[in-house]
Amino acid sequence: MHLRKWATPLTIGSFLVMGVTGTLMFFHLDEGLNKLLHEWAGWAMLVAVGAHVLLNWRAFQIYFKRPVALGIMVVAAGALLLSFVPVDAGGGSPVPHVMRALSDAPVEHVIAIAGVDLQEGLTRLREAGYPIEAGQAIADVAQGDRGASMTATKSLFVP
């Protein structure tokens, strides 16, 4: 199949999904699969934009000779670089700090905070695929995977 048949429609479609789900996420109105769809649509957009640039390479090169276009691209690249600068640990949302503390704490403490009986909590974790014993931390059985730690913790708080 020719690139031209799918590159622009995929660019438009992925932009639509990214724009709507990103706006919902920005205003904390996302629910269901919005975040997951946003993340996967980002991959689709990378493929689509890559194909679009490949198809329009000559026209794309011209933008590097136009001061305004070049300025916009430099500002965007600068913003991307700045996004990797660590921010003050005291600012922002406490949620990542709380989740890290829960993940690193002995599992019986987390189970107690969840308001669940110890055996019930251990059973929930094991049924969720996390073979854990009292005294261990969720981070240990999740092997450093933050997504797995979140899923394990969620199994305690959301039956």
C-alpha atoms as a PDB file:
ATOM      1  CA  MET A   1       0.000   0.000   0.000  1.00  0.00           C
ATOM      2  CA  HIS A   2       1.295   3.448  -0.859  1.00  0.00           C
ATOM      3  CA  LEU A   3       2.212   5.785   1.979  1.00  0.00           C
ATOM      4  CA  ARG A   4       0.095   8.537   0.500  1.00  0.00           C
ATOM      5  CA  LYS A   5      -3.095   6.505   0.972  1.00  0.00           C
ATOM      6  CA  TRP A   6      -2.746   6.202   4.751  1.00  0.00           C
ATOM      7  CA  ALA A   7      -0.170   8.720   6.051  1.00  0.00           C
ATOM      8  CA  THR A   8      -2.383  11.812   6.085  1.00  0.00           C
ATOM      9  CA  PRO A   9      -5.575  10.042   7.257  1.00  0.00           C
ATOM     10  CA  LEU A  10      -3.586   8.415  10.085  1.00  0.00           C
ATOM     11  CA  THR A  11      -2.060  11.801  10.983  1.00  0.00           C
ATOM     12  CA  ILE A  12      -5.518  13.379  11.124  1.00  0.00           C
ATOM     13  CA  GLY A  13      -7.054  10.476  13.063  1.00  0.00           C
ATOM     14  CA  SER A  14      -4.255  10.237  15.608  1.00  0.00           C
ATOM     15  CA  PHE A  15      -4.261  14.029  16.053  1.00  0.00           C
ATOM     16  CA  LEU A  16      -7.998  13.935  16.714  1.00  0.00           C
ATOM     17  CA  VAL A  17      -7.608  11.211  19.363  1.00  0.00           C
ATOM     18  CA  MET A  18      -4.530  12.864  20.920  1.00  0.00           C
ATOM     19  CA  GLY A  19      -6.192  16.289  20.975  1.00  0.00           C
ATOM     20  CA  VAL A  20      -9.425  15.150  22.597  1.00  0.00           C
ATOM     21  CA  THR A  21      -7.899  12.717  25.108  1.00  0.00           C
ATOM     22  CA  GLY A  22      -5.079  15.163  25.929  1.00  0.00           C
ATOM     23  CA  THR A  23      -7.591  17.925  26.603  1.00  0.00           C
ATOM     24  CA  LEU A  24      -9.635  15.604  28.826  1.00  0.00           C
ATOM     25  CA  MET A  25      -6.490  14.604  30.718  1.00  0.00           C
ATOM     26  CA  PHE A  26      -5.413  18.226  31.130  1.00  0.00           C
ATOM     27  CA  PHE A  27      -8.716  19.096  32.796  1.00  0.00           C
ATOM     28  CA  HIS A  28      -8.760  15.807  34.787  1.00  0.00           C
ATOM     29  CA  LEU A  29     -11.937  14.728  32.989  1.00  0.00           C
ATOM     30  CA  ASP A  30     -10.504  11.552  31.489  1.00  0.00           C
ATOM     31  CA  GLU A  31     -12.046   8.261  32.430  1.00  0.00           C
ATOM     32  CA  GLY A  32     -12.205   4.737  31.171  1.00  0.00           C
ATOM     33  CA  LEU A  33      -9.600   4.068  28.521  1.00  0.00           C
ATOM     34  CA  ASN A  34      -8.808   7.726  27.676  1.00  0.00           C
ATOM     35  CA  LYS A  35      -5.227   7.640  29.000  1.00  0.00           C
ATOM     36  CA  LEU A  36      -4.458   4.266  27.411  1.00  0.00           C
ATOM     37  CA  LEU A  37      -5.896   5.415  24.081  1.00  0.00           C
ATOM     38  CA  HIS A  38      -3.890   8.654  24.320  1.00  0.00           C
ATOM     39  CA  GLU A  39      -0.652   6.734  24.876  1.00  0.00           C
ATOM     40  CA  TRP A  40      -1.233   4.324  21.971  1.00  0.00           C
ATOM     41  CA  ALA A  41      -2.450   7.085  19.651  1.00  0.00           C
ATOM     42  CA  GLY A  42       0.882   8.776  20.337  1.00  0.00           C
ATOM     43  CA  TRP A  43       2.643   5.806  18.716  1.00  0.00           C
ATOM     44  CA  ALA A  44       0.251   5.980  15.760  1.00  0.00           C
ATOM     45  CA  MET A  45       0.995   9.696  15.444  1.00  0.00           C
ATOM     46  CA  LEU A  46       4.763   9.051  15.427  1.00  0.00           C
ATOM     47  CA  VAL A  47       4.351   6.587  12.555  1.00  0.00           C
ATOM     48  CA  ALA A  48       1.957   8.878  10.694  1.00  0.00           C
ATOM     49  CA  VAL A  49       4.108  12.001  11.038  1.00  0.00           C
ATOM     50  CA  GLY A  50       7.224  10.032  10.075  1.00  0.00           C
ATOM     51  CA  ALA A  51       5.482   8.819   6.914  1.00  0.00           C
ATOM     52  CA  HIS A  52       4.153  12.331   6.228  1.00  0.00           C
ATOM     53  CA  VAL A  53       7.655  13.833   6.544  1.00  0.00           C
ATOM     54  CA  LEU A  54       9.063  11.112   4.283  1.00  0.00           C
ATOM     55  CA  LEU A  55       6.420  11.824   1.647  1.00  0.00           C
ATOM     56  CA  ASN A  56       7.009  15.579   1.816  1.00  0.00           C
ATOM     57  CA  TRP A  57      10.759  15.637   2.430  1.00  0.00           C
ATOM     58  CA  ARG A  58      11.577  18.415  -0.045  1.00  0.00           C
ATOM     59  CA  ALA A  59       8.894  20.733   1.311  1.00  0.00           C
ATOM     60  CA  PHE A  60       9.905  19.814   4.868  1.00  0.00           C
ATOM     61  CA  GLN A  61      13.525  20.902   4.253  1.00  0.00           C
ATOM     62  CA  ILE A  62      12.357  24.370   3.238  1.00  0.00           C
ATOM     63  CA  TYR A  63      11.107  25.002   6.787  1.00  0.00           C
ATOM     64  CA  PHE A  64      14.693  24.912   8.047  1.00  0.00           C
ATOM     65  CA  LYS A  65      15.425  27.953   5.859  1.00  0.00           C
ATOM     66  CA  ARG A  66      12.492  30.031   7.142  1.00  0.00           C
ATOM     67  CA  PRO A  67      13.319  31.989  10.318  1.00  0.00           C
ATOM     68  CA  VAL A  68       9.842  31.831  11.867  1.00  0.00           C
ATOM     69  CA  ALA A  69       9.457  28.099  11.186  1.00  0.00           C
ATOM     70  CA  LEU A  70      12.957  27.391  12.440  1.00  0.00           C
ATOM     71  CA  GLY A  71      12.292  29.500  15.547  1.00  0.00           C
ATOM     72  CA  ILE A  72       9.133  27.535  16.345  1.00  0.00           C
ATOM     73  CA  MET A  73      11.015  24.229  15.960  1.00  0.00           C
ATOM     74  CA  VAL A  74      13.880  25.465  18.170  1.00  0.00           C
ATOM     75  CA  VAL A  75      11.447  26.630  20.870  1.00  0.00           C
ATOM     76  CA  ALA A  76       9.675  23.246  20.753  1.00  0.00           C
ATOM     77  CA  ALA A  77      12.992  21.392  21.002  1.00  0.00           C
ATOM     78  CA  GLY A  78      13.997  23.637  23.912  1.00  0.00           C
ATOM     79  CA  ALA A  79      10.701  22.957  25.703  1.00  0.00           C
ATOM     80  CA  LEU A  80      11.265  19.233  25.234  1.00  0.00           C
ATOM     81  CA  LEU A  81      14.757  19.486  26.719  1.00  0.00           C
ATOM     82  CA  LEU A  82      13.458  21.528  29.664  1.00  0.00           C
ATOM     83  CA  SER A  83      10.858  18.843  30.385  1.00  0.00           C
ATOM     84  CA  PHE A  84      13.696  16.563  31.522  1.00  0.00           C
ATOM     85  CA  VAL A  85      14.969  19.002  34.156  1.00  0.00           C
ATOM     86  CA  PRO A  86      14.073  17.725  37.652  1.00  0.00           C
ATOM     87  CA  VAL A  87      11.639  19.948  39.492  1.00  0.00           C
ATOM     88  CA  ASP A  88      11.550  20.814  43.195  1.00  0.00           C
ATOM     89  CA  ALA A  89      10.601  17.649  45.094  1.00  0.00           C
ATOM     90  CA  GLY A  90       8.425  19.703  47.440  1.00  0.00           C
ATOM     91  CA  GLY A  91       6.173  21.021  44.692  1.00  0.00           C
ATOM     92  CA  GLY A  92       3.575  19.380  42.537  1.00  0.00           C
ATOM     93  CA  SER A  93       1.262  16.560  43.344  1.00  0.00           C
ATOM     94  CA  PRO A  94       1.927  14.417  46.409  1.00  0.00           C
ATOM     95  CA  VAL A  95       0.496  11.352  44.643  1.00  0.00           C
ATOM     96  CA  PRO A  96       3.808  10.043  43.214  1.00  0.00           C
ATOM     97  CA  HIS A  97       5.425  10.388  46.662  1.00  0.00           C
ATOM     98  CA  VAL A  98       2.526   8.611  48.363  1.00  0.00           C
ATOM     99  CA  MET A  99       2.536   5.817  45.777  1.00  0.00           C
ATOM    100  CA  ARG A 100       6.299   5.358  46.159  1.00  0.00           C
ATOM    101  CA  ALA A 101       5.953   5.217  49.956  1.00  0.00           C
ATOM    102  CA  LEU A 102       3.154   2.642  49.696  1.00  0.00           C
ATOM    103  CA  SER A 103       5.162   0.592  47.231  1.00  0.00           C
ATOM    104  CA  ASP A 104       8.264   0.601  49.457  1.00  0.00           C
ATOM    105  CA  ALA A 105       6.468  -0.055  52.773  1.00  0.00           C
ATOM    106  CA  PRO A 106       6.049  -3.537  54.264  1.00  0.00           C
ATOM    107  CA  VAL A 107       2.935  -4.991  52.656  1.00  0.00           C
ATOM    108  CA  GLU A 108       1.156  -5.512  55.986  1.00  0.00           C
ATOM    109  CA  HIS A 109       1.259  -1.732  56.557  1.00  0.00           C
ATOM    110  CA  VAL A 110      -0.279  -1.081  53.147  1.00  0.00           C
ATOM    111  CA  ILE A 111      -2.947  -3.723  53.776  1.00  0.00           C
ATOM    112  CA  ALA A 112      -3.779  -2.060  57.122  1.00  0.00           C
ATOM    113  CA  ILE A 113      -4.065   1.358  55.437  1.00  0.00           C
ATOM    114  CA  ALA A 114      -6.414  -0.188  52.863  1.00  0.00           C
ATOM    115  CA  GLY A 115      -8.607  -1.319  55.774  1.00  0.00           C
ATOM    116  CA  VAL A 116      -8.374  -4.973  54.787  1.00  0.00           C
ATOM    117  CA  ASP A 117      -7.612  -8.028  56.910  1.00  0.00           C
ATOM    118  CA  LEU A 118      -3.996  -9.218  56.472  1.00  0.00           C
ATOM    119  CA  GLN A 119      -4.920 -12.600  54.992  1.00  0.00           C
ATOM    120  CA  GLU A 120      -7.541 -11.028  52.716  1.00  0.00           C
ATOM    121  CA  GLY A 121      -4.977  -8.496  51.475  1.00  0.00           C
ATOM    122  CA  LEU A 122      -2.351 -11.157  50.808  1.00  0.00           C
ATOM    123  CA  THR A 123      -4.974 -13.236  48.981  1.00  0.00           C
ATOM    124  CA  ARG A 124      -5.996 -10.265  46.805  1.00  0.00           C
ATOM    125  CA  LEU A 125      -2.373  -9.598  45.900  1.00  0.00           C
ATOM    126  CA  ARG A 126      -1.694 -13.248  45.076  1.00  0.00           C
ATOM    127  CA  GLU A 127      -4.862 -13.477  42.967  1.00  0.00           C
ATOM    128  CA  ALA A 128      -3.696 -10.351  41.114  1.00  0.00           C
ATOM    129  CA  GLY A 129      -0.468 -12.198  40.282  1.00  0.00           C
ATOM    130  CA  TYR A 130       1.811 -10.860  43.002  1.00  0.00           C
ATOM    131  CA  PRO A 131       3.191 -13.698  45.162  1.00  0.00           C
ATOM    132  CA  ILE A 132       4.002 -11.696  48.267  1.00  0.00           C
ATOM    133  CA  GLU A 133       4.618 -12.543  51.902  1.00  0.00           C
ATOM    134  CA  ALA A 134       4.267 -10.419  55.031  1.00  0.00           C
ATOM    135  CA  GLY A 135       7.386  -8.311  55.504  1.00  0.00           C
ATOM    136  CA  GLN A 136       7.963  -7.840  51.785  1.00  0.00           C
ATOM    137  CA  ALA A 137       7.315  -4.604  49.931  1.00  0.00           C
ATOM    138  CA  ILE A 138       5.106  -4.420  46.863  1.00  0.00           C
ATOM    139  CA  ALA A 139       8.059  -2.840  45.019  1.00  0.00           C
ATOM    140  CA  ASP A 140      10.052  -6.040  45.622  1.00  0.00           C
ATOM    141  CA  VAL A 141       7.540  -8.342  43.948  1.00  0.00           C
ATOM    142  CA  ALA A 142       6.861  -5.770  41.217  1.00  0.00           C
ATOM    143  CA  GLN A 143      10.617  -5.761  40.510  1.00  0.00           C
ATOM    144  CA  GLY A 144      10.809  -1.986  40.144  1.00  0.00           C
ATOM    145  CA  ASP A 145       7.948  -1.804  37.618  1.00  0.00           C
ATOM    146  CA  ARG A 146       5.893   1.236  38.722  1.00  0.00           C
ATOM    147  CA  GLY A 147       2.891   0.152  36.666  1.00  0.00           C
ATOM    148  CA  ALA A 148       2.924  -3.271  38.340  1.00  0.00           C
ATOM    149  CA  SER A 149       3.254  -1.598  41.762  1.00  0.00           C
ATOM    150  CA  MET A 150       0.220   0.582  40.992  1.00  0.00           C
ATOM    151  CA  THR A 151      -1.793  -2.438  39.833  1.00  0.00           C
ATOM    152  CA  ALA A 152      -0.854  -4.428  42.948  1.00  0.00           C
ATOM    153  CA  THR A 153      -1.708  -1.516  45.246  1.00  0.00           C
ATOM    154  CA  LYS A 154      -4.995  -0.974  43.434  1.00  0.00           C
ATOM    155  CA  SER A 155      -5.962  -4.603  44.116  1.00  0.00           C
ATOM    156  CA  LEU A 156      -5.891  -3.767  47.833  1.00  0.00           C
ATOM    157  CA  PHE A 157      -7.900  -0.561  47.660  1.00  0.00           C
ATOM    158  CA  VAL A 158     -10.341  -1.449  44.869  1.00  0.00           C
ATOM    159  CA  PRO A 159     -11.794  -4.951  45.284  1.00  0.00           C
END
